[in-house]
């Protein structure tokens, strides 16, 4: 494991880098990574906006919001031009980190956007005002490669692919890479893969170690050195509605995400 430098706090905010957490397989740690990487980046002085772009609203629930009690969500922002970003953004409870919430309403957007002009650029348009307010925008994508995910990739500078260390998760990554290549070619030339993140790793099992080896042999340096190991603390933090960095600040899970935040910052061009 290389030693990553301690990040220095930025002197000013703005010029956000937009990152999609993307994998069409569910249950691989996209939402957990979005919450905890965001909280770790906020600890290092970055101003962070989390975007819940999954109709299941797991990111919003994971930060303690009730999906049925939201006045406005990202659905209103996408479909109603009168709604502004400031009307929808809510504080996450973590200093320096805000949230664009979501609920089941968002599932209707996928159908309604089909008839829009430049439908793939809708999210990019509504996030434009946030670019000068934040340093990092993390988008938690739904587990599919549909129109919402294509919107997220079109709006992004980079993609982080959380990947559970088991065989079926490994199989789907080739399909995801094809989608990313198509989006880069047709819609967003600046899109790049920031890294592949091994999650739910259990070093005691041969299976986890073999999957990790195959991942590194297939993706090489794209794989993050940081690996997120299995721990029950992640589930407990989700129930508590807060990131593991505040719920169990000295746990191995919290340390792993702080390490990931340092590694991510060293990979970004502006850093």
Foldseek 3Di string as FASTA:
>chain_A
DDDFDQAAADPAFFQAAEEEADALDPDLCLLLLLFLLQLLVVVNNFQEEEEELAQQFLNVLLLPDDQVPAPDAVLCLLPPVVDAPVVQWDPSPRPRYIYRTHHNSSVVVLVVLVPPDVSLQSVLVRCVVVRGVGHYYYYRHYNRLGSSVSSSQLNHLEYEYRAEQADVSLVRVVVVVVSSVVCCVPRNVNYYYQAYEYEQADPVDPSSVVSVVVVCVVPPPRHDPQHHHDDCLSVVSSNVNHRCCVVVVPDPRSVSSSVVSSRSVVSDPVD
